[in-house]
Amino acid sequence: LFRSPGRHQPQLLGAVAHSPAMLDYLDNFQSVADSSHLTLSEFRQAERTGRRPVNHRRNGLNENYGRELLELHTLGVDGGYTQKDVIAVARALTGWTIDRPREGGGFIFREGQHDAEPKIVLGHTLPAGRGEEDGEEVLDIIARHPATAHHIAFELVRRFVSDTPSVALVNRVAETYRRTDGDIREMLRTIFTSPEFFSRAAYRAKVKSPFELVVSARRIMNASPDTSASTAYQIQRMGEQLFGHLAPNGWPETGDQWIKAGALLDRINFGVQAGAGRMRFASAEQWPGWALLIAMPLDNQVDGGVDQVLGGNASPETREILFKGQNPLVARPVADTSMARAAPVRPSLKDLLGIALGSPEFQRR
């Protein structure tokens, strides 16, 4: 949980819950105790006067953040919570809002918005008359829940090992979560030292997202930092608009959502264009392998391209395509059709680089 000194709440969840960006995105800054419950200000007034004040009409509760906190950030969609828990969590987090939101202010807790009446969250009773500590206790309750340990473990294993995580590894990582009080570093240590992580089945099991594909190509090409919209546009063309996913669950983590017929062709074409230097972010001559391989025979160029771009591992099919200099999924230019019976032309080093960047091996992490 990475607890901060003197704080009762988990550090990562606490940072997210206090983030003005999250408070705005999931509407918690607008969430107010509904008119059937006393705010903390009204509750204190009732304690002083002995009379329950007449409630004024208010905008009311917004459940968006409370729901996503349980469904996406902690327990998971099958984590055992109910709609009553969602409502109780949302009530506990009323008053967690933004100071001067139009001026870019930070987090602030407002007593006049907070629901100060009793709540029950996942079987835990939150007593009446409290303020910000309601939300802090909720974060602690859900961070310590066994379903959270399993959900976070599953997400991490799926991210770093396989789209279909090993049940045994997920259970071990979840146990590390419980044993270390949610120490993410130790969970990652469990993953990165596991037999599953080093297994043959996990090797290149993960498909790169468009973002990962473009960024890894830029690294291979030794591209300079891009201050234009070019790189972001290339990523968007392959289906992943930066910061553009409308739902709060984010872009897909599994490869089946990225590798489809049309998308695969776009990826191959991207590699061909990048290798040919037709992207703004780099020329083929910037590739570190260029100076080393440009004067070598084709056999050496293919071997060098496989070593430098594909980590030394390529299938026989990929090697054959490299020698031919033409990916069969990419149509030849019309001008080449008249040369169909001519002697094969030796592929250029740009051709080899483009094919390697569009190869199945480079599509995977």
Protein backbone atom coordinates (compact mmCIF):
# COMPACT_ATOMS: atom_id res chain seq x y z
CA LEU A 1 0.00 0.00 0.00
CA PHE A 2 3.05 2.28 0.23
CA ARG A 3 1.77 4.03 3.32
CA SER A 4 2.98 7.58 3.86
CA PRO A 5 4.10 8.55 7.39
CA GLY A 6 1.19 9.71 9.48
CA ARG A 7 -1.41 8.91 6.84
CA HIS A 8 -4.17 6.33 7.29
CA GLN A 9 -4.83 5.77 3.59
CA PRO A 10 -3.03 3.75 0.93
CA GLN A 11 -0.64 6.04 -0.91
CA LEU A 12 -1.50 5.18 -4.51
CA LEU A 13 -5.27 5.13 -4.00
CA GLY A 14 -5.01 8.29 -1.92
CA ALA A 15 -3.11 10.11 -4.65
CA VAL A 16 -5.72 9.14 -7.24
CA ALA A 17 -8.65 10.05 -4.99
CA HIS A 18 -7.16 13.50 -4.32
CA SER A 19 -6.23 14.12 -7.96
CA PRO A 20 -8.16 17.05 -9.47
CA ALA A 21 -7.99 15.27 -12.84
CA MET A 22 -9.74 12.18 -11.45
CA LEU A 23 -12.19 14.23 -9.39
CA ASP A 24 -13.18 16.07 -12.56
CA TYR A 25 -13.12 13.11 -14.99
CA LEU A 26 -15.43 10.95 -12.86
CA ASP A 27 -17.50 13.87 -11.56
CA ASN A 28 -16.78 13.42 -7.86
CA PHE A 29 -16.13 17.14 -7.48
CA GLN A 30 -19.88 17.63 -8.10
CA SER A 31 -21.01 14.89 -5.71
CA VAL A 32 -23.00 16.23 -2.77
CA ALA A 33 -24.98 14.61 0.04
CA ASP A 34 -28.51 14.20 -1.24
CA SER A 35 -31.39 15.98 0.44
CA SER A 36 -32.33 12.95 2.56
CA HIS A 37 -29.01 13.08 4.46
CA LEU A 38 -27.39 15.75 6.59
CA THR A 39 -24.16 17.32 5.49
CA LEU A 40 -21.38 17.58 8.06
CA SER A 41 -22.20 21.26 8.61
CA GLU A 42 -25.87 20.42 9.18
CA PHE A 43 -24.98 17.48 11.41
CA ARG A 44 -22.89 19.72 13.67
CA GLN A 45 -25.68 22.27 13.76
CA ALA A 46 -28.13 19.54 14.81
CA GLU A 47 -25.73 18.49 17.61
CA ARG A 48 -25.58 22.07 18.90
CA THR A 49 -29.32 22.82 18.70
CA GLY A 50 -30.78 19.38 19.30
CA ARG A 51 -32.96 19.81 16.22
CA ARG A 52 -32.53 18.33 12.76
CA PRO A 53 -32.31 21.25 10.33
CA VAL A 54 -34.52 21.47 7.29
CA ASN A 55 -32.47 20.24 4.34
CA HIS A 56 -32.07 22.50 1.35
CA ARG A 57 -32.45 21.11 -2.14
CA ARG A 58 -29.06 19.97 -3.47
CA ASN A 59 -27.67 18.51 -6.70
CA GLY A 60 -27.23 15.16 -5.00
CA LEU A 61 -24.97 12.15 -5.10
CA ASN A 62 -22.81 11.18 -8.08
CA GLU A 63 -21.81 7.50 -8.09
CA ASN A 64 -19.34 7.55 -11.00
CA TYR A 65 -16.09 7.62 -9.04
CA GLY A 66 -17.36 5.31 -6.31
CA ARG A 67 -18.34 2.72 -8.92
CA GLU A 68 -15.07 2.87 -10.85
CA LEU A 69 -13.06 2.86 -7.62
CA LEU A 70 -14.55 -0.56 -6.82
CA GLU A 71 -14.90 -1.95 -10.36
CA LEU A 72 -11.65 -0.82 -11.98
CA HIS A 73 -9.21 0.40 -9.33
CA THR A 74 -9.57 -2.18 -6.56
CA LEU A 75 -11.94 -5.14 -6.16
CA GLY A 76 -12.77 -5.73 -9.82
CA VAL A 77 -16.14 -6.23 -11.47
CA ASP A 78 -16.61 -9.64 -9.79
CA GLY A 79 -15.13 -8.53 -6.48
CA GLY A 80 -18.21 -9.16 -4.37
CA TYR A 81 -19.51 -5.62 -3.86
CA THR A 82 -23.14 -4.61 -4.33
CA GLN A 83 -24.98 -1.52 -5.52
CA LYS A 84 -25.47 -0.59 -1.86
CA ASP A 85 -21.69 -0.61 -1.45
CA VAL A 86 -21.31 1.66 -4.49
CA ILE A 87 -23.76 4.14 -2.97
CA ALA A 88 -22.10 3.97 0.45
CA VAL A 89 -18.64 4.58 -1.05
CA ALA A 90 -19.99 7.52 -3.06
CA ARG A 91 -21.55 8.95 0.11
CA ALA A 92 -18.27 8.56 1.99
CA LEU A 93 -16.46 10.51 -0.72
CA THR A 94 -18.87 13.44 -0.90
CA GLY A 95 -17.09 16.70 -0.18
CA TRP A 96 -13.90 15.47 -1.88
CA THR A 97 -13.80 18.20 -4.50
CA ILE A 98 -11.68 20.81 -6.29
CA ASP A 99 -10.79 24.25 -4.99
CA ARG A 100 -11.54 26.86 -7.68
CA PRO A 101 -11.83 24.28 -10.50
CA ARG A 102 -11.94 26.89 -13.27
CA GLU A 103 -8.63 28.29 -12.05
CA GLY A 104 -6.81 24.95 -11.79
CA GLY A 105 -7.06 24.60 -8.02
CA GLY A 106 -6.13 21.47 -6.07
CA PHE A 107 -8.01 19.09 -3.80
CA ILE A 108 -10.18 20.48 -1.04
CA PHE A 109 -12.62 18.88 1.39
CA ARG A 110 -15.90 20.77 1.86
CA GLU A 111 -17.97 20.02 4.96
CA GLY A 112 -21.08 21.53 3.38
CA GLN A 113 -21.10 18.82 0.68
CA HIS A 114 -20.19 15.78 2.78
CA ASP A 115 -22.80 13.24 3.85
CA ALA A 116 -22.21 12.91 7.60
CA GLU A 117 -24.72 10.16 8.39
CA PRO A 118 -23.77 6.47 9.06
CA LYS A 119 -22.73 4.23 6.18
CA ILE A 120 -21.94 0.54 5.71
CA VAL A 121 -19.18 -0.34 3.23
CA LEU A 122 -18.46 -4.03 2.57
CA GLY A 123 -19.71 -4.90 6.06
CA HIS A 124 -17.78 -2.10 7.81
CA THR A 125 -19.79 0.58 9.60
CA LEU A 126 -18.67 4.18 9.24
CA PRO A 127 -20.09 6.15 12.20
CA ALA A 128 -21.96 9.42 11.86
CA GLY A 129 -20.43 12.84 12.33
CA ARG A 130 -17.16 12.34 10.50
CA GLY A 131 -15.64 14.21 7.57
CA GLU A 132 -12.73 13.46 5.28
CA GLU A 133 -11.79 10.42 7.37
CA ASP A 134 -14.88 8.64 5.96
CA GLY A 135 -13.24 8.53 2.54
CA GLU A 136 -9.83 7.67 3.98
CA GLU A 137 -11.27 4.67 5.83
CA VAL A 138 -13.05 3.51 2.66
CA LEU A 139 -9.75 3.55 0.77
CA ASP A 140 -8.16 1.50 3.54
CA ILE A 141 -11.04 -1.01 3.62
CA ILE A 142 -11.01 -1.68 -0.10
CA ALA A 143 -7.20 -1.73 -0.34
CA ARG A 144 -7.09 -4.52 2.25
CA HIS A 145 -9.91 -6.55 0.69
CA PRO A 146 -8.85 -10.01 -0.64
CA ALA A 147 -10.59 -9.31 -3.96
CA THR A 148 -8.35 -6.27 -4.45
CA ALA A 149 -5.24 -8.40 -3.93
CA HIS A 150 -6.44 -10.85 -6.58
CA HIS A 151 -7.60 -8.19 -9.04
CA ILE A 152 -4.35 -6.19 -8.91
CA ALA A 153 -2.33 -9.42 -9.17
CA PHE A 154 -4.33 -10.51 -12.22
CA GLU A 155 -3.88 -7.13 -13.94
CA LEU A 156 -0.12 -7.10 -13.33
CA VAL A 157 0.42 -10.67 -14.53
CA ARG A 158 -1.68 -10.01 -17.62
CA ARG A 159 0.33 -6.86 -18.31
CA PHE A 160 3.78 -8.38 -17.94
CA VAL A 161 3.43 -12.09 -18.78
CA SER A 162 0.41 -13.16 -20.81
CA ASP A 163 -3.09 -12.21 -21.92
CA THR A 164 -4.23 -15.46 -20.27
CA PRO A 165 -2.51 -15.31 -16.86
CA SER A 166 -1.45 -18.42 -15.01
CA VAL A 167 -3.79 -19.02 -12.06
CA ALA A 168 -0.88 -20.23 -9.95
CA LEU A 169 1.19 -17.11 -10.63
CA VAL A 170 -1.77 -14.79 -9.99
CA ASN A 171 -2.35 -16.52 -6.64
CA ARG A 172 1.32 -16.13 -5.67
CA VAL A 173 1.33 -12.45 -6.59
CA ALA A 174 -1.91 -11.92 -4.65
CA GLU A 175 -0.30 -13.58 -1.64
CA THR A 176 2.64 -11.18 -1.97
CA TYR A 177 0.15 -8.30 -1.96
CA ARG A 178 -1.41 -9.55 1.28
CA ARG A 179 1.93 -10.37 2.91
CA THR A 180 3.57 -7.02 2.09
CA ASP A 181 0.51 -4.83 2.65
CA GLY A 182 0.19 -4.13 -1.06
CA ASP A 183 3.82 -3.40 -1.95
CA ILE A 184 3.75 -3.15 -5.76
CA ARG A 185 7.53 -3.48 -6.01
CA GLU A 186 7.43 -6.83 -4.25
CA MET A 187 4.54 -7.99 -6.44
CA LEU A 188 6.61 -7.17 -9.53
CA ARG A 189 9.58 -8.98 -8.00
CA THR A 190 7.39 -12.08 -7.62
CA ILE A 191 6.41 -11.82 -11.29
CA PHE A 192 9.87 -11.10 -12.71
CA THR A 193 11.53 -13.95 -10.82
CA SER A 194 8.83 -16.51 -11.59
CA PRO A 195 9.27 -19.53 -13.88
CA GLU A 196 6.19 -18.38 -15.79
CA PHE A 197 7.85 -15.06 -16.70
CA PHE A 198 10.86 -16.89 -18.17
CA SER A 199 8.88 -19.67 -19.83
CA ARG A 200 8.88 -20.28 -23.57
CA ALA A 201 5.12 -19.71 -23.60
CA ALA A 202 5.59 -16.15 -22.31
CA TYR A 203 8.24 -15.24 -24.90
CA ARG A 204 6.75 -12.61 -27.23
CA ALA A 205 3.31 -13.55 -25.97
CA LYS A 206 2.20 -9.93 -25.62
CA VAL A 207 1.17 -7.87 -28.66
CA LYS A 208 2.34 -4.26 -28.65
CA SER A 209 -0.35 -1.63 -28.54
CA PRO A 210 -0.11 1.03 -31.28
CA PHE A 211 1.57 3.32 -28.75
CA GLU A 212 4.17 0.69 -27.88
CA LEU A 213 4.71 -0.18 -31.54
CA VAL A 214 5.38 3.40 -32.64
CA VAL A 215 7.54 4.25 -29.65
CA SER A 216 9.63 1.07 -30.04
CA ALA A 217 10.12 1.86 -33.74
CA ARG A 218 11.29 5.36 -32.81
CA ARG A 219 13.79 3.87 -30.39
CA ILE A 220 15.11 1.43 -32.99
CA MET A 221 15.46 4.29 -35.48
CA ASN A 222 17.26 6.48 -32.93
CA ALA A 223 14.66 9.17 -33.55
CA SER A 224 14.85 12.54 -31.86
CA PRO A 225 12.07 13.68 -29.51
CA ASP A 226 9.02 14.65 -31.56
CA THR A 227 7.42 17.97 -30.66
CA SER A 228 5.01 17.82 -33.60
CA ALA A 229 1.75 15.90 -33.93
CA SER A 230 3.32 13.34 -36.28
CA THR A 231 4.00 10.56 -33.79
CA ALA A 232 0.64 10.99 -32.07
CA TYR A 233 -1.03 10.85 -35.49
CA GLN A 234 0.69 7.56 -36.38
CA ILE A 235 -0.51 6.04 -33.12
CA GLN A 236 -4.03 7.30 -33.73
CA ARG A 237 -4.09 5.89 -37.28
CA MET A 238 -3.60 2.43 -35.81
CA GLY A 239 -6.51 2.88 -33.43
CA GLU A 240 -5.15 4.29 -30.17
CA GLN A 241 -5.80 8.01 -29.91
CA LEU A 242 -3.68 9.34 -27.06
CA PHE A 243 -5.88 10.17 -24.06
CA GLY A 244 -8.85 9.50 -26.35
CA HIS A 245 -10.47 6.40 -24.87
CA LEU A 246 -13.94 7.42 -23.81
CA ALA A 247 -14.61 4.72 -21.19
CA PRO A 248 -12.71 4.83 -17.87
CA ASN A 249 -11.31 1.31 -18.31
CA GLY A 250 -8.66 2.57 -20.76
CA TRP A 251 -7.34 1.10 -23.99
CA PRO A 252 -7.33 -2.73 -24.32
CA GLU A 253 -4.54 -4.72 -22.68
CA THR A 254 -5.05 -7.93 -24.69
CA GLY A 255 -3.68 -8.48 -28.17
CA ASP A 256 -6.89 -9.79 -29.71
CA GLN A 257 -8.26 -6.24 -29.53
CA TRP A 258 -5.34 -4.84 -31.57
CA ILE A 259 -4.47 -7.51 -34.14
CA LYS A 260 -7.25 -7.70 -36.68
CA ALA A 261 -7.08 -7.89 -40.49
CA GLY A 262 -7.18 -4.16 -41.23
CA ALA A 263 -5.09 -3.20 -38.23
CA LEU A 264 -2.39 -5.74 -39.10
CA LEU A 265 -2.02 -4.27 -42.59
CA ASP A 266 -1.75 -0.77 -41.09
CA ARG A 267 1.03 -2.00 -38.81
CA ILE A 268 2.94 -3.62 -41.68
CA ASN A 269 2.60 -0.46 -43.80
CA PHE A 270 3.81 1.61 -40.87
CA GLY A 271 6.96 -0.51 -40.66
CA VAL A 272 7.58 -0.21 -44.41
CA GLN A 273 7.16 3.57 -44.32
CA ALA A 274 9.33 3.95 -41.23
CA GLY A 275 12.10 1.84 -42.73
CA ALA A 276 11.97 3.85 -45.95
CA GLY A 277 12.40 7.06 -43.99
CA ARG A 278 9.00 8.37 -45.01
CA MET A 279 8.10 9.20 -41.43
CA ARG A 280 8.91 12.64 -40.13
CA PHE A 281 10.46 11.32 -36.96
CA ALA A 282 13.56 9.63 -38.45
CA SER A 283 15.44 8.75 -41.62
CA ALA A 284 16.70 5.25 -42.32
CA GLU A 285 20.27 6.56 -42.11
CA GLN A 286 19.70 7.42 -38.43
CA TRP A 287 19.22 3.73 -37.63
CA PRO A 288 22.37 2.63 -35.73
CA GLY A 289 22.68 -0.45 -37.95
CA TRP A 290 22.83 1.57 -41.17
CA ALA A 291 26.51 2.48 -41.15
CA LEU A 292 27.45 -1.04 -40.06
CA LEU A 293 25.44 -2.91 -42.72
CA ILE A 294 25.07 -0.65 -45.75
CA ALA A 295 28.15 -2.04 -47.58
CA MET A 296 27.69 -5.68 -46.57
CA PRO A 297 26.33 -8.59 -48.66
CA LEU A 298 22.63 -9.42 -48.41
CA ASP A 299 23.17 -12.40 -46.10
CA ASN A 300 24.99 -10.21 -43.60
CA GLN A 301 22.39 -7.45 -43.90
CA VAL A 302 19.57 -9.88 -43.14
CA ASP A 303 21.44 -11.33 -40.15
CA GLY A 304 22.34 -7.84 -38.93
CA GLY A 305 18.77 -6.61 -39.30
CA VAL A 306 17.45 -9.58 -37.34
CA ASP A 307 20.03 -8.98 -34.60
CA GLN A 308 19.50 -5.24 -34.29
CA VAL A 309 15.75 -4.96 -34.83
CA LEU A 310 14.37 -8.33 -33.70
CA GLY A 311 16.76 -9.21 -30.89
CA GLY A 312 18.41 -11.98 -32.91
CA ASN A 313 15.30 -14.12 -33.25
CA ALA A 314 13.22 -14.42 -36.40
CA SER A 315 11.15 -17.25 -37.86
CA PRO A 316 12.24 -18.95 -41.09
CA GLU A 317 9.24 -17.28 -42.79
CA THR A 318 10.37 -13.81 -41.70
CA ARG A 319 13.93 -14.50 -42.88
CA GLU A 320 12.62 -15.66 -46.26
CA ILE A 321 10.59 -12.47 -46.64
CA LEU A 322 13.64 -10.39 -45.69
CA PHE A 323 15.68 -12.06 -48.43
CA LYS A 324 12.93 -11.42 -50.98
CA GLY A 325 12.55 -7.81 -49.85
CA GLN A 326 8.76 -7.79 -50.16
CA ASN A 327 6.09 -8.55 -47.58
CA PRO A 328 3.40 -10.66 -49.33
CA LEU A 329 0.66 -8.77 -47.49
CA VAL A 330 1.75 -5.45 -49.00
CA ALA A 331 0.87 -4.96 -52.66
CA ARG A 332 3.69 -4.01 -55.00
CA PRO A 333 3.45 -0.65 -56.73
CA VAL A 334 1.66 -0.78 -60.10
CA ALA A 335 4.89 0.18 -61.88
CA ASP A 336 6.49 -3.06 -60.71
CA THR A 337 3.95 -5.35 -62.39
CA SER A 338 5.60 -4.96 -65.78
CA MET A 339 8.78 -6.37 -64.25
CA ALA A 340 7.11 -9.49 -62.89
CA ARG A 341 9.17 -11.78 -65.13
CA ALA A 342 12.41 -9.86 -64.73
CA ALA A 343 15.26 -11.08 -62.57
CA PRO A 344 14.61 -10.45 -58.87
CA VAL A 345 16.06 -7.21 -57.61
CA ARG A 346 18.18 -7.32 -54.48
CA PRO A 347 16.26 -5.63 -51.65
CA SER A 348 17.73 -2.42 -50.31
CA LEU A 349 18.69 -1.99 -46.69
CA LYS A 350 15.66 0.28 -46.34
CA ASP A 351 13.47 -2.58 -47.59
CA LEU A 352 14.97 -4.93 -44.99
CA LEU A 353 14.52 -2.40 -42.19
CA GLY A 354 10.88 -1.77 -43.15
CA ILE A 355 10.08 -5.48 -43.33
CA ALA A 356 11.70 -6.08 -39.93
CA LEU A 357 9.72 -3.21 -38.36
CA GLY A 358 6.50 -4.68 -39.80
CA SER A 359 7.29 -8.29 -38.96
CA PRO A 360 5.28 -10.46 -36.55
CA GLU A 361 8.26 -10.56 -34.21
CA PHE A 362 8.43 -6.78 -33.93
CA GLN A 363 4.65 -6.62 -33.33
CA ARG A 364 5.22 -8.37 -30.00
CA ARG A 365 6.98 -7.41 -26.81
